[in-house]
């Protein structure tokens, strides 16, 4: 017994909200937002369908603005446009890349005909879908290292940014087909290049750009300053974000960033946890471990139980007002937390190996996921997966008892409950023996301040 007071049970107000809408007390838009954010609806998320066409790992999934199309990129170097509702391929084409496609995005207000991609071959490419259905692809620019992520400027059909393992951040304009080198990210102490893995633009303030990679900091840059008269030091961030206990840690990095609609910044750390920073949690342009601001600042919300070690994983929000945090894991599950307090609500089996990408639908309470498997999975309320309680979700932790999980059989076998239970028990005993042999230590959930890495 930890001695902590028992938590009051949360009450779901979905039925009350339906009644309020019917009698005219709740506007339709407010009802839609509340209903989509309902935890009852979240617990009913299940596997609805699989999109199966790629012949390699699926590294990128993204919806168009209307939400009727899904775009994917893969190790097979193909880009596919899906009608996800019917699980059918609308268009499939060769990206022109020579290596694994890491990201593919629709450009806004382009009638879903302009697509930009980045890849392990260091290239950034542009694909234009013609009226005939043919696709023209062209090289826009190159980094000196793999390009894991790109970020589209909100509302712009022409402008986007990329970051690479060379530490460079570039701006692309489709009107001129010119790539502009904005800066090379370097750490302050020894002026060493930071290999970058992820980039994100604040949707509420498109002038702010965050990048992160192979060190402990998420760095925020003000793009508006780039062309300002008299600007002479654009390479310096306007702010840094990092949990206090990770400052100076040489063994962590950041694989994923995401901004909420409230300008909150999510950062997923390798060999560690996920943290949520509000704008007032920044360390300033030049952070130092002994600074007063570091000591006095607020502690970010933390999200635990998943495992991020093997691949470059993204992180994302879910819900009409970003009420939840979602991430993949090395154990093949999707983890869903309540944003405001970090409580783990769901842990859904989603891949035989690793889940890398989770993308929320722009208007509906559903999501898609991808990873090492060659298919894409669509998750909707009322899918085939059985809902379980939040308590069981926490037992699905990658660091806890592996016999408990909230999921479906990935291979599609219909084993009986008794057989599954016996197999799970045997697997759990084997896992425990293997952990003892490898010297692995189980994380104590109550110790929020310990560093897992």
Protein backbone atom coordinates (compact mmCIF):
# COMPACT_ATOMS: atom_id res chain seq x y z
CA UNK A 1 0.00 0.00 0.00
CA UNK A 2 1.40 3.38 -0.99
CA UNK A 3 -0.72 5.29 1.52
CA UNK A 4 -2.05 7.60 -1.18
CA UNK A 5 -5.72 8.64 -0.93
CA UNK A 6 -8.01 6.81 -3.32
CA UNK A 7 -8.87 8.75 -6.47
CA UNK A 8 -12.47 9.82 -6.94
CA UNK A 9 -14.04 7.96 -9.87
CA UNK A 10 -14.32 10.09 -13.00
CA UNK A 11 -17.83 10.68 -14.28
CA UNK A 12 -18.47 10.63 -18.02
CA UNK A 13 -21.11 13.20 -18.97
CA UNK A 14 -21.86 11.87 -22.48
CA UNK A 15 -25.50 11.01 -21.74
CA UNK A 16 -26.08 14.39 -20.09
CA UNK A 17 -24.51 16.13 -23.10
CA UNK A 18 -26.85 14.27 -25.48
CA UNK A 19 -29.86 15.39 -23.43
CA UNK A 20 -28.61 19.00 -23.35
CA UNK A 21 -28.22 19.02 -27.12
CA UNK A 22 -31.69 17.56 -27.68
CA UNK A 23 -33.36 20.24 -25.53
CA UNK A 24 -31.31 23.03 -27.09
CA UNK A 25 -29.02 23.77 -24.13
CA UNK A 26 -25.83 22.72 -25.92
CA UNK A 27 -24.83 23.98 -29.41
CA UNK A 28 -24.05 21.31 -31.99
CA UNK A 29 -20.39 22.33 -32.23
CA UNK A 30 -19.92 22.18 -28.47
CA UNK A 31 -21.68 18.82 -28.35
CA UNK A 32 -19.44 17.48 -31.12
CA UNK A 33 -16.29 18.57 -29.29
CA UNK A 34 -17.42 17.18 -25.94
CA UNK A 35 -18.55 13.91 -27.49
CA UNK A 36 -15.32 13.44 -29.44
CA UNK A 37 -13.29 14.12 -26.27
CA UNK A 38 -15.30 11.64 -24.17
CA UNK A 39 -13.23 9.07 -22.32
CA UNK A 40 -16.04 6.58 -22.82
CA UNK A 41 -15.61 6.99 -26.58
CA UNK A 42 -11.82 6.69 -26.16
CA UNK A 43 -12.20 3.38 -24.35
CA UNK A 44 -14.29 2.08 -27.25
CA UNK A 45 -11.56 2.66 -29.82
CA UNK A 46 -10.80 -0.58 -31.61
CA UNK A 47 -9.28 -1.91 -34.81
CA UNK A 48 -11.64 -1.10 -37.67
CA UNK A 49 -9.63 -2.07 -40.74
CA UNK A 50 -6.17 -2.60 -42.20
CA UNK A 51 -4.77 -0.89 -45.29
CA UNK A 52 -2.46 -3.42 -46.89
CA UNK A 53 -0.50 -2.55 -50.03
CA UNK A 54 3.03 -1.51 -49.02
CA UNK A 55 5.90 -4.00 -49.17
CA UNK A 56 8.00 -2.45 -46.42
CA UNK A 57 7.76 -0.67 -43.09
CA UNK A 58 5.31 2.24 -43.18
CA UNK A 59 7.18 5.26 -41.82
CA UNK A 60 4.66 8.03 -42.48
CA UNK A 61 0.87 8.44 -42.35
CA UNK A 62 -1.08 11.69 -42.63
CA UNK A 63 -4.65 12.73 -43.43
CA UNK A 64 -5.62 15.47 -45.85
CA UNK A 65 -7.45 18.54 -44.54
CA UNK A 66 -10.90 17.11 -45.32
CA UNK A 67 -10.02 13.81 -43.68
CA UNK A 68 -11.24 11.61 -46.53
CA UNK A 69 -7.77 10.70 -47.84
CA UNK A 70 -4.78 9.15 -46.09
CA UNK A 71 -1.22 9.52 -47.39
CA UNK A 72 1.51 7.00 -46.59
CA UNK A 73 5.23 6.54 -47.29
CA UNK A 74 7.27 3.39 -46.83
CA UNK A 75 10.60 1.60 -47.01
CA UNK A 76 9.42 0.31 -50.41
CA UNK A 77 9.86 3.92 -51.67
CA UNK A 78 6.22 4.08 -52.73
CA UNK A 79 3.73 6.82 -51.80
CA UNK A 80 0.09 5.75 -51.59
CA UNK A 81 -3.13 7.79 -51.40
CA UNK A 82 -5.86 5.79 -49.65
CA UNK A 83 -9.61 6.03 -49.40
CA UNK A 84 -9.32 4.81 -45.81
CA UNK A 85 -13.08 4.32 -45.33
CA UNK A 86 -13.18 1.64 -48.04
CA UNK A 87 -9.56 0.50 -47.47
CA UNK A 88 -8.89 1.04 -51.18
CA UNK A 89 -5.95 2.59 -53.02
CA UNK A 90 -6.79 5.79 -54.89
CA UNK A 91 -3.27 6.24 -56.28
CA UNK A 92 0.14 4.64 -55.81
CA UNK A 93 3.36 6.01 -57.30
CA UNK A 94 7.13 5.78 -57.09
CA UNK A 95 8.39 8.66 -54.94
CA UNK A 96 11.64 8.99 -56.89
CA UNK A 97 13.64 8.40 -53.70
CA UNK A 98 16.45 5.85 -53.69
CA UNK A 99 15.96 4.81 -50.07
CA UNK A 100 13.30 4.56 -47.37
CA UNK A 101 10.65 7.30 -47.45
CA UNK A 102 10.51 8.79 -43.95
CA UNK A 103 7.76 11.36 -44.39
CA UNK A 104 5.07 12.36 -46.90
CA UNK A 105 2.71 15.33 -46.51
CA UNK A 106 -0.07 16.99 -48.49
CA UNK A 107 0.43 20.72 -49.07
CA UNK A 108 -2.57 22.78 -47.87
CA UNK A 109 -5.04 24.27 -50.38
CA UNK A 110 -3.59 22.30 -53.29
CA UNK A 111 -6.66 20.13 -53.95
CA UNK A 112 -4.53 17.27 -52.52
CA UNK A 113 -2.40 17.33 -55.69
CA UNK A 114 0.85 18.63 -54.16
CA UNK A 115 2.87 16.24 -52.02
CA UNK A 116 6.30 16.72 -50.43
CA UNK A 117 8.49 13.87 -49.20
CA UNK A 118 11.77 13.31 -47.36
CA UNK A 119 13.83 10.16 -47.04
CA UNK A 120 16.91 8.27 -45.93
CA UNK A 121 18.61 9.15 -49.24
CA UNK A 122 19.02 12.76 -47.95
CA UNK A 123 16.63 14.09 -50.60
CA UNK A 124 13.58 16.33 -50.35
CA UNK A 125 11.21 15.82 -53.28
CA UNK A 126 8.02 17.30 -54.73
CA UNK A 127 5.28 15.26 -56.39
CA UNK A 128 2.55 16.87 -58.49
CA UNK A 129 -0.57 14.87 -59.39
CA UNK A 130 -1.74 15.91 -62.85
CA UNK A 131 -5.33 16.01 -64.11
CA UNK A 132 -4.57 12.87 -66.13
CA UNK A 133 -3.73 10.97 -62.94
CA UNK A 134 -0.04 10.83 -63.81
CA UNK A 135 2.49 12.02 -61.23
CA UNK A 136 5.48 14.26 -61.87
CA UNK A 137 8.24 14.05 -59.25
CA UNK A 138 11.22 16.37 -58.92
CA UNK A 139 14.16 16.94 -56.60
CA UNK A 140 13.86 20.12 -54.51
CA UNK A 141 17.03 19.86 -52.46
CA UNK A 142 19.37 17.68 -50.43
CA UNK A 143 20.72 17.46 -46.91
CA UNK A 144 24.06 15.91 -45.97
CA UNK A 145 22.29 13.25 -43.90
CA UNK A 146 18.96 11.40 -43.72
CA UNK A 147 15.87 13.63 -43.51
CA UNK A 148 13.44 12.16 -40.99
CA UNK A 149 10.83 14.91 -40.76
CA UNK A 150 9.39 17.91 -42.56
CA UNK A 151 6.94 20.52 -41.29
CA UNK A 152 4.41 22.29 -43.51
CA UNK A 153 3.68 25.94 -42.72
CA UNK A 154 0.00 26.06 -41.62
CA UNK A 155 -2.24 27.51 -44.31
CA UNK A 156 0.47 27.83 -46.95
CA UNK A 157 0.30 25.83 -50.19
CA UNK A 158 3.95 26.63 -50.95
CA UNK A 159 6.08 26.80 -47.78
CA UNK A 160 7.58 24.03 -45.66
CA UNK A 161 10.68 23.21 -43.57
CA UNK A 162 12.96 20.20 -43.20
CA UNK A 163 15.60 19.05 -40.75
CA UNK A 164 18.32 16.46 -41.27
CA UNK A 165 20.92 14.44 -39.43
CA UNK A 166 23.42 16.99 -40.75
CA UNK A 167 21.92 19.43 -38.25
CA UNK A 168 20.68 21.73 -41.02
CA UNK A 169 17.22 23.30 -41.15
CA UNK A 170 16.03 24.32 -44.61
CA UNK A 171 13.07 26.29 -45.94
CA UNK A 172 11.46 25.35 -49.25
CA UNK A 173 9.18 27.47 -51.44
CA UNK A 174 7.35 25.58 -54.20
CA UNK A 175 6.83 28.78 -56.19
CA UNK A 176 10.55 29.25 -56.74
CA UNK A 177 11.68 25.65 -56.14
CA UNK A 178 14.48 27.17 -54.05
CA UNK A 179 15.86 25.58 -50.86
CA UNK A 180 17.14 28.14 -48.34
CA UNK A 181 19.58 27.06 -45.65
CA UNK A 182 18.23 28.74 -42.53
CA UNK A 183 20.77 27.52 -39.96
CA UNK A 184 22.71 24.56 -38.63
CA UNK A 185 21.69 23.54 -35.12
CA UNK A 186 24.62 23.48 -32.70
CA UNK A 187 24.83 22.96 -28.97
CA UNK A 188 26.16 25.88 -26.95
CA UNK A 189 28.83 24.26 -24.81
CA UNK A 190 31.22 22.94 -27.48
CA UNK A 191 29.54 24.32 -30.62
CA UNK A 192 28.98 20.79 -31.92
CA UNK A 193 26.39 20.01 -34.59
CA UNK A 194 23.20 18.43 -33.24
CA UNK A 195 21.90 15.62 -35.47
CA UNK A 196 18.22 16.49 -35.93
CA UNK A 197 15.35 13.99 -35.98
CA UNK A 198 12.19 16.07 -35.71
CA UNK A 199 10.71 19.48 -36.53
CA UNK A 200 7.35 21.12 -35.78
CA UNK A 201 5.64 24.47 -36.43
CA UNK A 202 3.37 26.07 -33.82
CA UNK A 203 -0.13 26.15 -35.44
CA UNK A 204 -1.13 29.21 -33.39
CA UNK A 205 2.05 31.07 -34.25
CA UNK A 206 3.55 29.81 -37.54
CA UNK A 207 6.57 32.03 -36.99
CA UNK A 208 7.80 29.68 -34.25
CA UNK A 209 9.64 26.53 -35.25
CA UNK A 210 10.87 23.78 -32.89
CA UNK A 211 13.61 21.26 -33.68
CA UNK A 212 15.19 18.44 -31.70
CA UNK A 213 17.52 15.50 -32.11
CA UNK A 214 20.54 13.88 -30.52
CA UNK A 215 20.72 15.90 -27.31
CA UNK A 216 18.43 16.82 -24.44
CA UNK A 217 16.98 20.10 -25.72
CA UNK A 218 13.98 21.03 -27.83
CA UNK A 219 14.99 24.36 -29.39
CA UNK A 220 12.54 27.06 -30.43
CA UNK A 221 13.39 29.49 -33.26
CA UNK A 222 11.56 32.61 -34.41
CA UNK A 223 11.48 32.36 -38.20
CA UNK A 224 10.20 35.93 -38.52
CA UNK A 225 13.59 37.14 -37.36
CA UNK A 226 15.35 35.57 -40.33
CA UNK A 227 14.61 38.44 -42.72
CA UNK A 228 14.40 41.21 -40.13
CA UNK A 229 16.70 44.15 -40.71
CA UNK A 230 19.71 44.12 -38.47
CA UNK A 231 19.28 40.45 -37.53
CA UNK A 232 22.74 38.99 -37.14
CA UNK A 233 22.40 35.89 -34.96
CA UNK A 234 19.44 33.90 -36.27
CA UNK A 235 21.25 30.63 -35.51
CA UNK A 236 20.56 31.14 -31.80
CA UNK A 237 17.24 29.75 -30.45
CA UNK A 238 14.83 32.08 -28.69
CA UNK A 239 14.06 29.35 -26.15
CA UNK A 240 15.07 25.89 -24.93
CA UNK A 241 12.91 23.19 -23.31
CA UNK A 242 14.17 20.28 -21.20
CA UNK A 243 13.14 18.57 -17.94
CA UNK A 244 15.49 19.70 -15.19
CA UNK A 245 16.81 16.23 -14.38
CA UNK A 246 17.87 15.63 -18.01
CA UNK A 247 19.97 18.79 -18.41
CA UNK A 248 23.53 17.66 -19.03
CA UNK A 249 22.49 14.06 -19.76
CA UNK A 250 24.56 12.78 -22.70
CA UNK A 251 22.55 9.57 -23.09
CA UNK A 252 19.17 10.91 -24.19
CA UNK A 253 17.79 12.47 -27.33
CA UNK A 254 14.42 13.52 -28.72
CA UNK A 255 12.74 11.55 -31.52
CA UNK A 256 9.39 13.33 -31.76
CA UNK A 257 7.87 16.80 -31.29
CA UNK A 258 4.29 18.02 -31.57
CA UNK A 259 2.54 21.32 -30.86
CA UNK A 260 -0.99 21.46 -29.47
CA UNK A 261 -3.57 24.05 -30.46
CA UNK A 262 -2.65 25.84 -27.23
CA UNK A 263 1.06 26.12 -28.19
CA UNK A 264 2.05 23.38 -25.75
CA UNK A 265 5.06 21.36 -26.91
CA UNK A 266 5.29 17.57 -26.59
CA UNK A 267 8.76 15.98 -26.67
CA UNK A 268 9.34 12.22 -26.80
CA UNK A 269 12.74 11.26 -25.40
CA UNK A 270 14.67 8.14 -26.40
CA UNK A 271 15.37 5.82 -23.46
CA UNK A 272 13.20 8.07 -21.30
CA UNK A 273 9.65 9.46 -21.19
CA UNK A 274 7.39 11.98 -22.93
CA UNK A 275 7.11 15.52 -21.54
CA UNK A 276 4.62 18.34 -22.09
CA UNK A 277 5.96 21.91 -21.94
CA UNK A 278 3.87 25.06 -21.76
CA UNK A 279 5.39 28.23 -23.27
CA UNK A 280 6.33 29.57 -19.81
CA UNK A 281 8.51 26.53 -19.06
CA UNK A 282 11.28 27.61 -21.42
CA UNK A 283 14.87 27.99 -20.21
CA UNK A 284 15.59 30.96 -22.44
CA UNK A 285 18.07 31.50 -25.30
CA UNK A 286 21.11 30.23 -23.36
CA UNK A 287 20.21 27.60 -20.74
CA UNK A 288 22.65 26.66 -18.02
CA UNK A 289 22.03 24.03 -15.31
CA UNK A 290 22.79 26.46 -12.49
CA UNK A 291 20.61 29.31 -13.74
CA UNK A 292 17.88 30.71 -11.49
CA UNK A 293 15.28 30.21 -14.23
CA UNK A 294 16.15 26.50 -14.42
CA UNK A 295 15.69 26.08 -10.68
CA UNK A 296 12.46 28.04 -10.39
CA UNK A 297 10.56 26.95 -13.48
CA UNK A 298 7.54 24.66 -13.43
CA UNK A 299 7.88 20.90 -13.85
CA UNK A 300 6.51 19.53 -17.14
CA UNK A 301 3.78 16.88 -17.21
CA UNK A 302 5.30 13.43 -17.80
CA UNK A 303 3.84 10.40 -19.65
CA UNK A 304 5.30 6.98 -18.83
CA UNK A 305 4.93 3.22 -19.38
CA UNK A 306 5.86 3.07 -23.10
CA UNK A 307 9.32 2.29 -24.47
CA UNK A 308 11.21 4.42 -27.01
CA UNK A 309 14.61 2.97 -27.80
CA UNK A 310 14.73 1.13 -31.11
CA UNK A 311 13.45 3.63 -33.72
CA UNK A 312 12.72 7.30 -34.39
CA UNK A 313 9.19 7.54 -33.01
CA UNK A 314 6.73 10.37 -33.32
CA UNK A 315 4.36 11.65 -30.66
CA UNK A 316 0.98 13.31 -31.07
CA UNK A 317 -2.18 14.72 -29.55
CA UNK A 318 -5.67 13.25 -29.84
CA UNK A 319 -9.07 14.85 -29.34
CA UNK A 320 -10.77 18.00 -30.69
CA UNK A 321 -8.88 20.18 -28.19
CA UNK A 322 -5.81 17.95 -27.77
CA UNK A 323 -7.20 16.34 -24.60
CA UNK A 324 -5.02 13.22 -24.93
CA UNK A 325 -1.42 12.28 -25.72
CA UNK A 326 -0.67 9.29 -27.97
CA UNK A 327 2.53 7.42 -28.78
CA UNK A 328 3.76 4.18 -30.25
CA UNK A 329 6.18 1.89 -28.45
CA UNK A 330 8.89 -0.72 -28.96
CA UNK A 331 6.49 -3.31 -27.52
CA UNK A 332 4.11 -2.87 -30.47
CA UNK A 333 1.39 -1.00 -28.60
CA UNK A 334 -0.36 2.34 -28.89
CA UNK A 335 -0.36 4.21 -25.57
CA UNK A 336 -2.97 6.88 -24.77
CA UNK A 337 -2.71 9.19 -21.76
CA UNK A 338 -4.95 11.89 -20.36
CA UNK A 339 -3.03 15.08 -21.15
CA UNK A 340 -3.73 17.10 -18.04
CA UNK A 341 -2.57 14.55 -15.44
CA UNK A 342 -0.57 11.93 -17.38
CA UNK A 343 -2.81 9.01 -16.44
CA UNK A 344 -2.50 6.05 -18.81
CA UNK A 345 -5.94 5.20 -20.23
CA UNK A 346 -5.31 2.74 -23.07
CA UNK A 347 -2.55 0.45 -24.33
CA UNK A 348 -3.62 -1.24 -27.56
CA UNK A 349 -1.74 -3.99 -29.35
CA UNK A 350 -1.04 -2.57 -32.82
CA UNK A 351 2.09 -4.11 -34.40
CA UNK A 352 4.05 -7.35 -34.21
CA UNK A 353 7.19 -5.33 -33.53
CA UNK A 354 7.19 -1.52 -33.12
CA UNK A 355 4.62 1.25 -33.55
CA UNK A 356 6.31 4.41 -34.87
CA UNK A 357 3.51 6.66 -36.17
CA UNK A 358 0.08 7.66 -34.88
CA UNK A 359 -1.98 10.25 -36.73
CA UNK A 360 -5.26 11.70 -35.50
CA UNK A 361 -8.12 12.38 -37.91
CA UNK A 362 -8.68 16.16 -38.34
CA UNK A 363 -12.42 16.05 -37.55
CA UNK A 364 -13.48 12.62 -36.25
CA UNK A 365 -12.61 10.62 -33.12
CA UNK A 366 -10.42 8.09 -34.90
CA UNK A 367 -6.74 7.55 -35.62
CA UNK A 368 -4.39 5.53 -37.77
CA UNK A 369 -1.13 3.83 -36.85
CA UNK A 370 1.87 2.31 -38.61
CA UNK A 371 5.25 0.82 -37.81
CA UNK A 372 7.38 -2.18 -38.69
CA UNK A 373 4.38 -4.08 -40.08
CA UNK A 374 3.67 -3.38 -43.75
CA UNK A 375 0.05 -2.39 -43.17
CA UNK A 376 -1.71 0.69 -41.74
CA UNK A 377 -4.32 0.21 -39.04
CA UNK A 378 -7.44 2.37 -38.64
CA UNK A 379 -8.83 2.70 -35.11
CA UNK A 380 -12.44 3.80 -34.59
CA UNK A 381 -15.02 3.65 -31.76
CA UNK A 382 -16.78 0.32 -31.99
CA UNK A 383 -13.89 -1.47 -33.74
CA UNK A 384 -13.25 -5.18 -33.25
CA UNK A 385 -10.94 -4.72 -30.29
CA UNK A 386 -12.53 -5.25 -26.87
CA UNK A 387 -12.36 -2.24 -24.52
CA UNK A 388 -10.83 -2.76 -21.08
CA UNK A 389 -10.50 -0.70 -17.93
CA UNK A 390 -7.75 1.90 -17.40
CA UNK A 391 -6.30 -0.32 -14.65
CA UNK A 392 -5.63 -3.06 -17.18
CA UNK A 393 -4.18 -0.48 -19.56
CA UNK A 394 -1.48 0.37 -17.05
CA UNK A 395 -0.70 -3.32 -16.61
CA UNK A 396 0.12 -3.31 -20.34
CA UNK A 397 3.17 -1.18 -19.60
CA UNK A 398 6.28 -2.20 -21.50
CA UNK A 399 8.02 -2.25 -18.13
CA UNK A 400 5.34 -4.15 -16.25
CA UNK A 401 3.63 -7.52 -16.41
CA UNK A 402 3.58 -8.42 -20.12
CA UNK A 403 0.76 -10.97 -19.81
CA UNK A 404 -1.76 -8.12 -19.52
CA UNK A 405 -2.55 -6.21 -22.66
CA UNK A 406 -5.43 -4.37 -24.26
CA UNK A 407 -5.37 -5.61 -27.83
CA UNK A 408 -6.24 -8.00 -30.59
CA UNK A 409 -4.34 -10.93 -32.01
CA UNK A 410 -2.01 -9.41 -34.62
CA UNK A 411 -1.76 -12.67 -36.54
CA UNK A 412 -5.55 -13.03 -36.66
CA UNK A 413 -5.64 -16.43 -34.90
CA UNK A 414 -8.79 -17.23 -32.93
CA UNK A 415 -7.35 -18.99 -29.92
CA UNK A 416 -9.57 -19.75 -26.95
CA UNK A 417 -9.39 -17.66 -23.80
CA UNK A 418 -7.96 -20.57 -21.83
CA UNK A 419 -5.23 -21.24 -24.37
CA UNK A 420 -4.36 -17.53 -24.55
CA UNK A 421 -4.19 -17.32 -20.78
CA UNK A 422 -1.87 -20.33 -20.51
CA UNK A 423 0.37 -19.06 -23.30
CA UNK A 424 0.51 -15.58 -21.77
CA UNK A 425 1.46 -17.05 -18.39
CA UNK A 426 4.22 -19.13 -19.96
CA UNK A 427 5.48 -16.12 -21.95
CA UNK A 428 5.47 -14.01 -18.82
CA UNK A 429 7.55 -16.55 -16.90
CA UNK A 430 10.01 -16.73 -19.79
CA UNK A 431 10.16 -12.93 -20.01
CA UNK A 432 10.88 -12.67 -16.29
CA UNK A 433 13.67 -15.25 -16.55
CA UNK A 434 15.15 -13.41 -19.56
CA UNK A 435 15.00 -10.09 -17.72
CA UNK A 436 16.86 -11.61 -14.78
CA UNK A 437 19.53 -13.00 -17.11
CA UNK A 438 19.92 -9.66 -18.91
CA UNK A 439 19.97 -7.70 -15.68
CA UNK A 440 16.97 -5.57 -16.70
CA UNK A 441 15.26 -3.63 -13.95
CA UNK A 442 11.50 -3.03 -13.80
CA UNK A 443 10.58 0.63 -13.50
CA UNK A 444 8.81 1.67 -10.29
CA UNK A 445 5.66 3.53 -11.41
CA UNK A 446 5.53 5.50 -8.16
CA UNK A 447 8.95 7.03 -8.64
CA UNK A 448 8.22 9.83 -11.08
CA UNK A 449 11.55 11.56 -10.53
CA UNK A 450 13.83 8.68 -11.47
CA UNK A 451 15.57 8.76 -14.84
CA UNK A 452 14.80 5.58 -16.80
CA UNK A 453 17.66 6.04 -19.24
